[in-house]
Amino acid sequence: MAADEKAQAKTEQAKGKVKETAGRAVGNERLTAEGRADQVQGDARQAKEKVKDVFKD
């Protein structure tokens, strides 16, 4: 399960970066904000997994 969560976090971060870049390219502030939000969500998921790894050992 942890590997799935880590992969999902990386996917969210990448998807967010693409959305943010696309939003900036076309001048769409909403898309840019959605991209940043996706990145933050991915960062949070990744942080949660790192904490779980620390307590797992």
PDB file of N, CA and C in Angstrom:
ATOM      1  N   MET A   1       0.821  -1.198   0.000  1.00  0.00           N
ATOM      2  CA  MET A   1       0.000   0.000   0.000  1.00  0.00           C
ATOM      3  C   MET A   1       0.861   1.257   0.000  1.00  0.00           C
ATOM      4  N   ALA A   2       1.924   1.261   0.743  1.00  0.00           N
ATOM      5  CA  ALA A   2       2.761   2.457   0.845  1.00  0.00           C
ATOM      6  C   ALA A   2       3.350   2.826  -0.511  1.00  0.00           C
ATOM      7  N   ALA A   3       3.746   1.832  -1.283  1.00  0.00           N
ATOM      8  CA  ALA A   3       4.304   2.117  -2.603  1.00  0.00           C
ATOM      9  C   ALA A   3       3.248   2.775  -3.497  1.00  0.00           C
ATOM     10  N   ASP A   4       2.003   2.316  -3.383  1.00  0.00           N
ATOM     11  CA  ASP A   4       0.917   2.924  -4.159  1.00  0.00           C
ATOM     12  C   ASP A   4       0.710   4.378  -3.764  1.00  0.00           C
ATOM     13  N   GLU A   5       0.748   4.640  -2.471  1.00  0.00           N
ATOM     14  CA  GLU A   5       0.549   6.006  -1.977  1.00  0.00           C
ATOM     15  C   GLU A   5       1.689   6.919  -2.430  1.00  0.00           C
ATOM     16  N   LYS A   6       2.904   6.402  -2.380  1.00  0.00           N
ATOM     17  CA  LYS A   6       4.064   7.195  -2.811  1.00  0.00           C
ATOM     18  C   LYS A   6       3.971   7.493  -4.308  1.00  0.00           C
ATOM     19  N   ALA A   7       3.583   6.518  -5.077  1.00  0.00           N
ATOM     20  CA  ALA A   7       3.435   6.715  -6.514  1.00  0.00           C
ATOM     21  C   ALA A   7       2.322   7.714  -6.808  1.00  0.00           C
ATOM     22  N   GLN A   8       1.242   7.621  -6.057  1.00  0.00           N
ATOM     23  CA  GLN A   8       0.134   8.548  -6.250  1.00  0.00           C
ATOM     24  C   GLN A   8       0.562   9.974  -5.900  1.00  0.00           C
ATOM     25  N   ALA A   9       1.383  10.113  -4.874  1.00  0.00           N
ATOM     26  CA  ALA A   9       1.877  11.435  -4.487  1.00  0.00           C
ATOM     27  C   ALA A   9       2.720  12.031  -5.610  1.00  0.00           C
ATOM     28  N   LYS A  10       3.597  11.234  -6.180  1.00  0.00           N
ATOM     29  CA  LYS A  10       4.442  11.714  -7.284  1.00  0.00           C
ATOM     30  C   LYS A  10       3.586  12.079  -8.496  1.00  0.00           C
ATOM     31  N   THR A  11       2.563  11.280  -8.757  1.00  0.00           N
ATOM     32  CA  THR A  11       1.663  11.551  -9.880  1.00  0.00           C
ATOM     33  C   THR A  11       0.927  12.870  -9.675  1.00  0.00           C
ATOM     34  N   GLU A  12       0.431  13.091  -8.456  1.00  0.00           N
ATOM     35  CA  GLU A  12      -0.274  14.349  -8.159  1.00  0.00           C
ATOM     36  C   GLU A  12       0.651  15.542  -8.319  1.00  0.00           C
ATOM     37  N   GLN A  13       1.883  15.392  -7.864  1.00  0.00           N
ATOM     38  CA  GLN A  13       2.851  16.483  -7.987  1.00  0.00           C
ATOM     39  C   GLN A  13       3.130  16.792  -9.449  1.00  0.00           C
ATOM     40  N   ALA A  14       3.337  15.756 -10.254  1.00  0.00           N
ATOM     41  CA  ALA A  14       3.626  15.950 -11.677  1.00  0.00           C
ATOM     42  C   ALA A  14       2.431  16.549 -12.404  1.00  0.00           C
ATOM     43  N   LYS A  15       1.243  16.015 -12.109  1.00  0.00           N
ATOM     44  CA  LYS A  15       0.018  16.520 -12.739  1.00  0.00           C
ATOM     45  C   LYS A  15      -0.182  17.995 -12.386  1.00  0.00           C
ATOM     46  N   GLY A  16       0.081  18.321 -11.132  1.00  0.00           N
ATOM     47  CA  GLY A  16      -0.057  19.702 -10.684  1.00  0.00           C
ATOM     48  C   GLY A  16       0.910  20.629 -11.390  1.00  0.00           C
ATOM     49  N   LYS A  17       2.131  20.167 -11.571  1.00  0.00           N
ATOM     50  CA  LYS A  17       3.137  20.981 -12.253  1.00  0.00           C
ATOM     51  C   LYS A  17       2.728  21.242 -13.698  1.00  0.00           C
ATOM     52  N   VAL A  18       2.208  20.225 -14.358  1.00  0.00           N
ATOM     53  CA  VAL A  18       1.754  20.374 -15.742  1.00  0.00           C
ATOM     54  C   VAL A  18       0.595  21.362 -15.817  1.00  0.00           C
ATOM     55  N   LYS A  19      -0.371  21.220 -14.904  1.00  0.00           N
ATOM     56  CA  LYS A  19      -1.522  22.134 -14.887  1.00  0.00           C
ATOM     57  C   LYS A  19      -1.077  23.573 -14.629  1.00  0.00           C
ATOM     58  N   GLU A  20      -0.173  23.742 -13.669  1.00  0.00           N
ATOM     59  CA  GLU A  20       0.296  25.081 -13.339  1.00  0.00           C
ATOM     60  C   GLU A  20       1.011  25.708 -14.536  1.00  0.00           C
ATOM     61  N   THR A  21       1.871  24.949 -15.184  1.00  0.00           N
ATOM     62  CA  THR A  21       2.607  25.449 -16.344  1.00  0.00           C
ATOM     63  C   THR A  21       1.660  25.786 -17.491  1.00  0.00           C
ATOM     64  N   ALA A  22       0.700  24.918 -17.738  1.00  0.00           N
ATOM     65  CA  ALA A  22      -0.268  25.167 -18.806  1.00  0.00           C
ATOM     66  C   ALA A  22      -1.110  26.403 -18.487  1.00  0.00           C
ATOM     67  N   GLY A  23      -1.514  26.530 -17.246  1.00  0.00           N
ATOM     68  CA  GLY A  23      -2.306  27.690 -16.835  1.00  0.00           C
ATOM     69  C   GLY A  23      -1.550  28.988 -17.030  1.00  0.00           C
ATOM     70  N   ARG A  24      -0.279  28.980 -16.678  1.00  0.00           N
ATOM     71  CA  ARG A  24       0.538  30.186 -16.885  1.00  0.00           C
ATOM     72  C   ARG A  24       0.723  30.485 -18.362  1.00  0.00           C
ATOM     73  N   ALA A  25       0.892  29.436 -19.165  1.00  0.00           N
ATOM     74  CA  ALA A  25       1.135  29.622 -20.599  1.00  0.00           C
ATOM     75  C   ALA A  25      -0.056  30.278 -21.291  1.00  0.00           C
ATOM     76  N   VAL A  26      -1.255  29.908 -20.874  1.00  0.00           N
ATOM     77  CA  VAL A  26      -2.449  30.453 -21.529  1.00  0.00           C
ATOM     78  C   VAL A  26      -3.084  31.592 -20.737  1.00  0.00           C
ATOM     79  N   GLY A  27      -2.501  31.905 -19.585  1.00  0.00           N
ATOM     80  CA  GLY A  27      -3.029  33.004 -18.781  1.00  0.00           C
ATOM     81  C   GLY A  27      -4.279  32.657 -17.998  1.00  0.00           C
ATOM     82  N   ASN A  28      -4.464  31.384 -17.694  1.00  0.00           N
ATOM     83  CA  ASN A  28      -5.641  30.926 -16.962  1.00  0.00           C
ATOM     84  C   ASN A  28      -5.286  30.803 -15.480  1.00  0.00           C
ATOM     85  N   GLU A  29      -5.721  31.751 -14.686  1.00  0.00           N
ATOM     86  CA  GLU A  29      -5.374  31.761 -13.263  1.00  0.00           C
ATOM     87  C   GLU A  29      -5.998  30.578 -12.509  1.00  0.00           C
ATOM     88  N   ARG A  30      -7.190  30.185 -12.903  1.00  0.00           N
ATOM     89  CA  ARG A  30      -7.855  29.073 -12.228  1.00  0.00           C
ATOM     90  C   ARG A  30      -7.075  27.773 -12.422  1.00  0.00           C
ATOM     91  N   LEU A  31      -6.621  27.522 -13.633  1.00  0.00           N
ATOM     92  CA  LEU A  31      -5.848  26.324 -13.924  1.00  0.00           C
ATOM     93  C   LEU A  31      -4.507  26.352 -13.187  1.00  0.00           C
ATOM     94  N   THR A  32      -3.907  27.521 -13.117  1.00  0.00           N
ATOM     95  CA  THR A  32      -2.653  27.677 -12.385  1.00  0.00           C
ATOM     96  C   THR A  32      -2.865  27.352 -10.904  1.00  0.00           C
ATOM     97  N   ALA A  33      -3.948  27.850 -10.332  1.00  0.00           N
ATOM     98  CA  ALA A  33      -4.254  27.595  -8.923  1.00  0.00           C
ATOM     99  C   ALA A  33      -4.556  26.115  -8.681  1.00  0.00           C
ATOM    100  N   GLU A  34      -5.276  25.487  -9.595  1.00  0.00           N
ATOM    101  CA  GLU A  34      -5.562  24.059  -9.469  1.00  0.00           C
ATOM    102  C   GLU A  34      -4.266  23.255  -9.496  1.00  0.00           C
ATOM    103  N   GLY A  35      -3.362  23.659 -10.347  1.00  0.00           N
ATOM    104  CA  GLY A  35      -2.076  22.978 -10.436  1.00  0.00           C
ATOM    105  C   GLY A  35      -1.298  23.089  -9.142  1.00  0.00           C
ATOM    106  N   ARG A  36      -1.281  24.283  -8.562  1.00  0.00           N
ATOM    107  CA  ARG A  36      -0.591  24.468  -7.284  1.00  0.00           C
ATOM    108  C   ARG A  36      -1.255  23.625  -6.192  1.00  0.00           C
ATOM    109  N   ALA A  37      -2.576  23.570  -6.210  1.00  0.00           N
ATOM    110  CA  ALA A  37      -3.312  22.778  -5.209  1.00  0.00           C
ATOM    111  C   ALA A  37      -2.986  21.290  -5.349  1.00  0.00           C
ATOM    112  N   ASP A  38      -2.909  20.800  -6.571  1.00  0.00           N
ATOM    113  CA  ASP A  38      -2.550  19.396  -6.791  1.00  0.00           C
ATOM    114  C   ASP A  38      -1.145  19.102  -6.264  1.00  0.00           C
ATOM    115  N   GLN A  39      -0.233  20.039  -6.485  1.00  0.00           N
ATOM    116  CA  GLN A  39       1.126  19.856  -6.003  1.00  0.00           C
ATOM    117  C   GLN A  39       1.167  19.808  -4.473  1.00  0.00           C
ATOM    118  N   VAL A  40       0.416  20.686  -3.842  1.00  0.00           N
ATOM    119  CA  VAL A  40       0.369  20.719  -2.378  1.00  0.00           C
ATOM    120  C   VAL A  40      -0.225  19.416  -1.849  1.00  0.00           C
ATOM    121  N   GLN A  41      -1.255  18.938  -2.499  1.00  0.00           N
ATOM    122  CA  GLN A  41      -1.871  17.676  -2.084  1.00  0.00           C
ATOM    123  C   GLN A  41      -0.869  16.526  -2.218  1.00  0.00           C
ATOM    124  N   GLY A  42      -0.115  16.513  -3.296  1.00  0.00           N
ATOM    125  CA  GLY A  42       0.914  15.491  -3.479  1.00  0.00           C
ATOM    126  C   GLY A  42       2.010  15.607  -2.438  1.00  0.00           C
ATOM    127  N   ASP A  43       2.403  16.835  -2.124  1.00  0.00           N
ATOM    128  CA  ASP A  43       3.421  17.054  -1.096  1.00  0.00           C
ATOM    129  C   ASP A  43       2.941  16.541   0.260  1.00  0.00           C
ATOM    130  N   ALA A  44       1.695  16.817   0.578  1.00  0.00           N
ATOM    131  CA  ALA A  44       1.133  16.372   1.862  1.00  0.00           C
ATOM    132  C   ALA A  44       1.077  14.853   1.934  1.00  0.00           C
ATOM    133  N   ARG A  45       0.671  14.231   0.845  1.00  0.00           N
ATOM    134  CA  ARG A  45       0.599  12.764   0.816  1.00  0.00           C
ATOM    135  C   ARG A  45       2.008  12.168   0.983  1.00  0.00           C
ATOM    136  N   GLN A  46       2.985  12.789   0.320  1.00  0.00           N
ATOM    137  CA  GLN A  46       4.352  12.305   0.423  1.00  0.00           C
ATOM    138  C   GLN A  46       4.881  12.462   1.853  1.00  0.00           C
ATOM    139  N   ALA A  47       4.583  13.586   2.473  1.00  0.00           N
ATOM    140  CA  ALA A  47       5.015  13.816   3.856  1.00  0.00           C
ATOM    141  C   ALA A  47       4.388  12.786   4.795  1.00  0.00           C
ATOM    142  N   LYS A  48       3.111  12.490   4.577  1.00  0.00           N
ATOM    143  CA  LYS A  48       2.419  11.496   5.399  1.00  0.00           C
ATOM    144  C   LYS A  48       3.099  10.138   5.273  1.00  0.00           C
ATOM    145  N   GLU A  49       3.469   9.762   4.063  1.00  0.00           N
ATOM    146  CA  GLU A  49       4.126   8.485   3.845  1.00  0.00           C
ATOM    147  C   GLU A  49       5.505   8.439   4.494  1.00  0.00           C
ATOM    148  N   LYS A  50       6.218   9.558   4.465  1.00  0.00           N
ATOM    149  CA  LYS A  50       7.533   9.600   5.111  1.00  0.00           C
ATOM    150  C   LYS A  50       7.399   9.417   6.623  1.00  0.00           C
ATOM    151  N   VAL A  51       6.386  10.031   7.206  1.00  0.00           N
ATOM    152  CA  VAL A  51       6.151   9.868   8.641  1.00  0.00           C
ATOM    153  C   VAL A  51       5.798   8.422   8.958  1.00  0.00           C
ATOM    154  N   LYS A  52       4.979   7.830   8.139  1.00  0.00           N
ATOM    155  CA  LYS A  52       4.618   6.423   8.348  1.00  0.00           C
ATOM    156  C   LYS A  52       5.853   5.535   8.264  1.00  0.00           C
ATOM    157  N   ASP A  53       6.764   5.840   7.332  1.00  0.00           N
ATOM    158  CA  ASP A  53       7.995   5.057   7.196  1.00  0.00           C
ATOM    159  C   ASP A  53       8.864   5.170   8.441  1.00  0.00           C
ATOM    160  N   VAL A  54       8.921   6.357   9.025  1.00  0.00           N
ATOM    161  CA  VAL A  54       9.730   6.566  10.229  1.00  0.00           C
ATOM    162  C   VAL A  54       9.209   5.709  11.366  1.00  0.00           C
ATOM    163  N   PHE A  55       7.903   5.664  11.552  1.00  0.00           N
ATOM    164  CA  PHE A  55       7.326   4.918  12.654  1.00  0.00           C
ATOM    165  C   PHE A  55       7.212   3.422  12.373  1.00  0.00           C
ATOM    166  N   LYS A  56       7.380   3.042  11.118  1.00  0.00           N
ATOM    167  CA  LYS A  56       7.294   1.643  10.737  1.00  0.00           C
ATOM    168  C   LYS A  56       8.499   0.865  11.263  1.00  0.00           C
ATOM    169  N   ASP A  57       9.668   1.500  11.274  1.00  0.00           N
ATOM    170  CA  ASP A  57      10.909   0.823  11.697  1.00  0.00           C
ATOM    171  C   ASP A  57      11.018   0.660  13.156  1.00  0.00           C
TER     172      ASP A  57
END
